[in-house]
């Protein structure tokens, strides 16, 4: 018995390569469907990223250690039961 394996008679074809990820693809258009979606959404993703970045620069609400009094609008500590204006928190 020979240990040598037979060589293929036909050379391997390279096939199509996805322009987004660079991997071999068998799809008809030459691009993976998930890569096509990523490529189509790239402009929208950049807009959303910019919106999130500008939103994060916005002033933040008061911290969790404060609560707003409905009567006078002051922000006493969360453990206070009575505001300076006389409003009783339940």
N, C-alpha and C. Protein backbone atom coordinates (compact mmCIF):
# COMPACT_ATOMS: atom_id res chain seq x y z
N UNK A 1 0.84 -1.19 0.00
CA UNK A 1 0.00 0.00 0.00
C UNK A 1 0.87 1.24 0.00
N UNK A 2 0.45 2.20 -0.76
CA UNK A 2 1.20 3.44 -0.86
C UNK A 2 0.60 4.47 0.10
N UNK A 3 1.43 5.24 0.71
CA UNK A 3 0.99 6.29 1.63
C UNK A 3 0.78 7.61 0.89
N UNK A 4 1.16 7.67 -0.33
CA UNK A 4 1.05 8.88 -1.12
C UNK A 4 -0.40 9.08 -1.56
N UNK A 5 -0.91 10.30 -1.33
CA UNK A 5 -2.29 10.59 -1.70
C UNK A 5 -2.32 11.14 -3.12
N UNK A 6 -3.40 10.88 -3.85
CA UNK A 6 -3.46 11.37 -5.22
C UNK A 6 -3.62 12.89 -5.27
N UNK A 7 -3.06 13.50 -6.27
CA UNK A 7 -3.19 14.95 -6.46
C UNK A 7 -4.42 15.23 -7.29
N UNK A 8 -5.11 16.33 -7.02
CA UNK A 8 -6.31 16.63 -7.81
C UNK A 8 -5.94 16.97 -9.24
N UNK A 9 -6.84 16.59 -10.15
CA UNK A 9 -6.59 16.83 -11.57
C UNK A 9 -6.89 18.27 -11.97
N UNK A 10 -7.77 18.95 -11.24
CA UNK A 10 -8.16 20.31 -11.58
C UNK A 10 -7.59 21.26 -10.51
N UNK A 11 -7.01 22.34 -10.95
CA UNK A 11 -6.47 23.32 -10.00
C UNK A 11 -7.63 24.03 -9.31
N UNK A 12 -7.43 24.41 -8.04
CA UNK A 12 -8.48 25.10 -7.29
C UNK A 12 -8.67 26.51 -7.84
N UNK A 13 -9.93 26.89 -7.99
CA UNK A 13 -10.23 28.24 -8.44
C UNK A 13 -10.29 29.15 -7.22
N UNK A 14 -9.83 30.37 -7.38
CA UNK A 14 -9.80 31.31 -6.25
C UNK A 14 -11.20 31.70 -5.82
N UNK A 15 -12.11 31.93 -6.76
CA UNK A 15 -13.46 32.32 -6.41
C UNK A 15 -13.55 33.81 -6.14
N UNK A 16 -14.72 34.25 -5.72
CA UNK A 16 -14.95 35.66 -5.44
C UNK A 16 -14.53 36.00 -4.02
N UNK A 17 -14.03 37.20 -3.86
CA UNK A 17 -13.60 37.68 -2.55
C UNK A 17 -14.49 38.87 -2.18
N UNK A 18 -15.02 38.84 -0.95
CA UNK A 18 -15.88 39.92 -0.46
C UNK A 18 -15.06 41.20 -0.33
N UNK A 19 -15.52 42.32 -0.90
CA UNK A 19 -14.76 43.56 -0.81
C UNK A 19 -14.77 44.19 0.58
N UNK A 20 -15.72 43.79 1.44
CA UNK A 20 -15.82 44.38 2.77
C UNK A 20 -14.92 43.66 3.76
N UNK A 21 -15.08 42.32 3.86
CA UNK A 21 -14.33 41.58 4.87
C UNK A 21 -13.11 40.86 4.31
N UNK A 22 -13.04 40.68 2.99
CA UNK A 22 -11.90 40.04 2.36
C UNK A 22 -11.93 38.52 2.39
N UNK A 23 -13.02 37.92 2.84
CA UNK A 23 -13.15 36.47 2.88
C UNK A 23 -13.76 35.97 1.58
N UNK A 24 -13.57 34.68 1.33
CA UNK A 24 -14.13 34.07 0.14
C UNK A 24 -15.65 33.99 0.27
N UNK A 25 -16.35 34.30 -0.80
CA UNK A 25 -17.81 34.30 -0.77
C UNK A 25 -18.37 33.51 -1.93
N UNK A 26 -19.50 32.88 -1.69
CA UNK A 26 -20.18 32.12 -2.72
C UNK A 26 -21.47 32.79 -3.17
N UNK A 27 -21.74 33.96 -2.67
CA UNK A 27 -22.99 34.63 -3.03
C UNK A 27 -22.91 35.15 -4.46
N UNK A 28 -24.06 35.38 -5.05
CA UNK A 28 -24.15 35.77 -6.46
C UNK A 28 -23.53 37.14 -6.71
N UNK A 29 -23.73 38.06 -5.79
CA UNK A 29 -23.23 39.42 -6.00
C UNK A 29 -21.76 39.59 -5.67
N UNK A 30 -21.12 38.57 -5.07
CA UNK A 30 -19.72 38.65 -4.73
C UNK A 30 -19.47 39.33 -3.40
N UNK A 31 -20.53 39.52 -2.60
CA UNK A 31 -20.40 40.15 -1.29
C UNK A 31 -21.35 39.42 -0.34
N UNK A 32 -20.90 39.20 0.89
CA UNK A 32 -21.76 38.54 1.88
C UNK A 32 -22.97 39.42 2.17
N UNK A 33 -24.15 38.84 2.43
CA UNK A 33 -25.33 39.64 2.74
C UNK A 33 -25.14 40.53 3.97
N UNK A 34 -24.51 39.99 5.03
CA UNK A 34 -24.30 40.80 6.23
C UNK A 34 -23.30 41.92 5.97
N UNK A 35 -22.33 41.70 5.09
CA UNK A 35 -21.37 42.75 4.73
C UNK A 35 -22.06 43.83 3.89
N UNK A 36 -23.00 43.42 3.03
CA UNK A 36 -23.74 44.39 2.22
C UNK A 36 -24.58 45.30 3.11
N UNK A 37 -25.20 44.73 4.14
CA UNK A 37 -26.00 45.52 5.08
C UNK A 37 -25.09 46.49 5.83
N UNK A 38 -23.95 46.01 6.27
CA UNK A 38 -23.00 46.86 6.99
C UNK A 38 -22.52 48.00 6.10
N UNK A 39 -22.27 47.71 4.83
CA UNK A 39 -21.81 48.74 3.91
C UNK A 39 -22.91 49.76 3.62
N UNK A 40 -24.15 49.31 3.51
CA UNK A 40 -25.27 50.21 3.23
C UNK A 40 -25.59 51.08 4.44
N UNK A 41 -25.40 50.56 5.64
CA UNK A 41 -25.73 51.29 6.86
C UNK A 41 -24.59 52.14 7.39
N UNK A 42 -23.46 52.17 6.72
CA UNK A 42 -22.30 52.88 7.26
C UNK A 42 -22.56 54.38 7.43
N UNK A 43 -23.25 55.01 6.48
CA UNK A 43 -23.54 56.44 6.60
C UNK A 43 -24.49 56.70 7.76
N UNK A 44 -25.52 55.87 7.89
CA UNK A 44 -26.48 56.03 8.98
C UNK A 44 -25.81 55.77 10.33
N UNK A 45 -24.91 54.80 10.38
CA UNK A 45 -24.21 54.50 11.63
C UNK A 45 -23.35 55.68 12.06
N UNK A 46 -22.72 56.36 11.12
CA UNK A 46 -21.90 57.53 11.46
C UNK A 46 -22.77 58.66 12.02
N UNK A 47 -23.96 58.86 11.44
CA UNK A 47 -24.88 59.88 11.94
C UNK A 47 -25.33 59.56 13.36
N UNK A 48 -25.66 58.30 13.62
CA UNK A 48 -26.09 57.88 14.95
C UNK A 48 -24.96 58.04 15.97
N UNK A 49 -23.73 57.73 15.54
CA UNK A 49 -22.59 57.87 16.44
C UNK A 49 -22.36 59.33 16.81
N UNK A 50 -22.50 60.22 15.82
CA UNK A 50 -22.33 61.66 16.08
C UNK A 50 -23.44 62.17 16.99
N UNK A 51 -24.67 61.69 16.80
CA UNK A 51 -25.79 62.11 17.64
C UNK A 51 -25.58 61.65 19.08
N UNK A 52 -25.10 60.41 19.26
CA UNK A 52 -24.85 59.90 20.61
C UNK A 52 -23.73 60.68 21.29
N UNK A 53 -22.72 61.06 20.51
CA UNK A 53 -21.61 61.81 21.08
C UNK A 53 -22.05 63.19 21.54
N UNK A 54 -22.88 63.87 20.72
CA UNK A 54 -23.36 65.19 21.11
C UNK A 54 -24.34 65.09 22.28
N UNK A 55 -25.07 63.99 22.34
CA UNK A 55 -26.01 63.77 23.44
C UNK A 55 -25.27 63.54 24.75
N UNK A 56 -24.11 62.89 24.68
CA UNK A 56 -23.36 62.63 25.90
C UNK A 56 -22.72 63.91 26.44
N UNK A 57 -22.51 64.92 25.58
CA UNK A 57 -21.95 66.19 26.02
C UNK A 57 -23.00 67.11 26.64
N UNK A 58 -24.26 66.74 26.54
CA UNK A 58 -25.33 67.56 27.10
C UNK A 58 -25.25 67.55 28.62
N UNK A 59 -25.74 68.60 29.28
CA UNK A 59 -25.70 68.62 30.75
C UNK A 59 -26.53 67.48 31.32
N UNK A 60 -25.99 66.86 32.33
CA UNK A 60 -26.66 65.71 32.94
C UNK A 60 -27.61 66.18 34.02
N UNK A 61 -28.69 65.44 34.26
CA UNK A 61 -29.61 65.81 35.34
C UNK A 61 -28.94 65.65 36.69
N UNK A 62 -29.61 66.11 37.73
CA UNK A 62 -29.03 66.03 39.06
C UNK A 62 -28.74 64.58 39.42
N UNK A 63 -27.86 64.39 40.34
CA UNK A 63 -27.43 63.04 40.69
C UNK A 63 -28.53 62.29 41.43
N UNK A 64 -28.27 61.03 41.68
CA UNK A 64 -29.26 60.18 42.37
C UNK A 64 -29.38 60.55 43.84
N UNK A 65 -28.46 61.38 44.35
CA UNK A 65 -28.52 61.75 45.76
C UNK A 65 -29.47 62.92 46.02
N UNK A 66 -30.07 63.44 44.97
CA UNK A 66 -31.00 64.56 45.11
C UNK A 66 -32.37 64.17 44.58
N UNK A 67 -33.40 64.81 45.12
CA UNK A 67 -34.75 64.65 44.59
C UNK A 67 -35.36 66.04 44.50
N UNK A 68 -36.25 66.23 43.54
CA UNK A 68 -36.82 67.55 43.33
C UNK A 68 -38.12 67.70 44.09
N UNK A 69 -38.25 68.81 44.78
CA UNK A 69 -39.46 69.10 45.54
C UNK A 69 -40.51 69.62 44.55
N UNK A 70 -41.71 69.03 44.53
CA UNK A 70 -42.74 69.49 43.60
C UNK A 70 -43.31 70.86 43.97
N UNK A 71 -43.16 71.24 45.22
CA UNK A 71 -43.74 72.49 45.69
C UNK A 71 -42.85 73.69 45.36
N UNK A 72 -41.55 73.61 45.70
CA UNK A 72 -40.67 74.76 45.51
C UNK A 72 -39.61 74.54 44.45
N UNK A 73 -39.38 73.31 44.02
CA UNK A 73 -38.38 73.03 43.00
C UNK A 73 -36.97 72.84 43.55
N UNK A 74 -36.80 72.91 44.85
CA UNK A 74 -35.49 72.70 45.46
C UNK A 74 -35.10 71.23 45.34
N UNK A 75 -33.81 70.95 45.49
CA UNK A 75 -33.33 69.58 45.41
C UNK A 75 -32.67 69.16 46.72
N UNK A 76 -33.46 68.74 47.69
CA UNK A 76 -32.86 68.26 48.94
C UNK A 76 -32.32 66.85 48.77
N UNK A 77 -31.62 66.36 49.76
CA UNK A 77 -31.07 65.01 49.74
C UNK A 77 -32.21 63.99 49.74
N UNK A 78 -31.96 62.82 49.20
CA UNK A 78 -33.01 61.80 49.07
C UNK A 78 -33.51 61.29 50.42
N UNK A 79 -32.71 61.36 51.46
CA UNK A 79 -33.13 60.85 52.77
C UNK A 79 -33.96 61.85 53.56
N UNK A 80 -34.00 63.08 53.12
CA UNK A 80 -34.81 64.07 53.86
C UNK A 80 -36.29 63.79 53.68
N UNK A 81 -37.02 63.82 54.76
CA UNK A 81 -38.46 63.54 54.74
C UNK A 81 -39.29 64.79 54.50
N UNK A 82 -38.74 65.97 54.93
CA UNK A 82 -39.47 67.23 54.82
C UNK A 82 -38.55 68.25 54.14
N UNK A 83 -39.09 68.95 53.16
CA UNK A 83 -38.35 70.01 52.47
C UNK A 83 -38.34 71.27 53.34
N UNK A 84 -37.44 72.24 53.02
CA UNK A 84 -37.38 73.50 53.75
C UNK A 84 -38.66 74.31 53.58
N UNK A 85 -39.38 74.10 52.48
CA UNK A 85 -40.61 74.84 52.24
C UNK A 85 -41.80 74.24 53.01
N UNK A 86 -41.61 73.05 53.59
CA UNK A 86 -42.68 72.43 54.36
C UNK A 86 -43.32 71.24 53.68
N UNK A 87 -42.94 70.96 52.44
CA UNK A 87 -43.52 69.82 51.71
C UNK A 87 -43.02 68.52 52.35
N UNK A 88 -43.93 67.60 52.61
CA UNK A 88 -43.59 66.31 53.20
C UNK A 88 -43.54 65.26 52.09
N UNK A 89 -42.40 64.60 51.97
CA UNK A 89 -42.28 63.53 50.97
C UNK A 89 -42.84 62.24 51.56
N UNK A 90 -43.56 61.49 50.77
CA UNK A 90 -44.16 60.27 51.29
C UNK A 90 -43.26 59.10 51.17
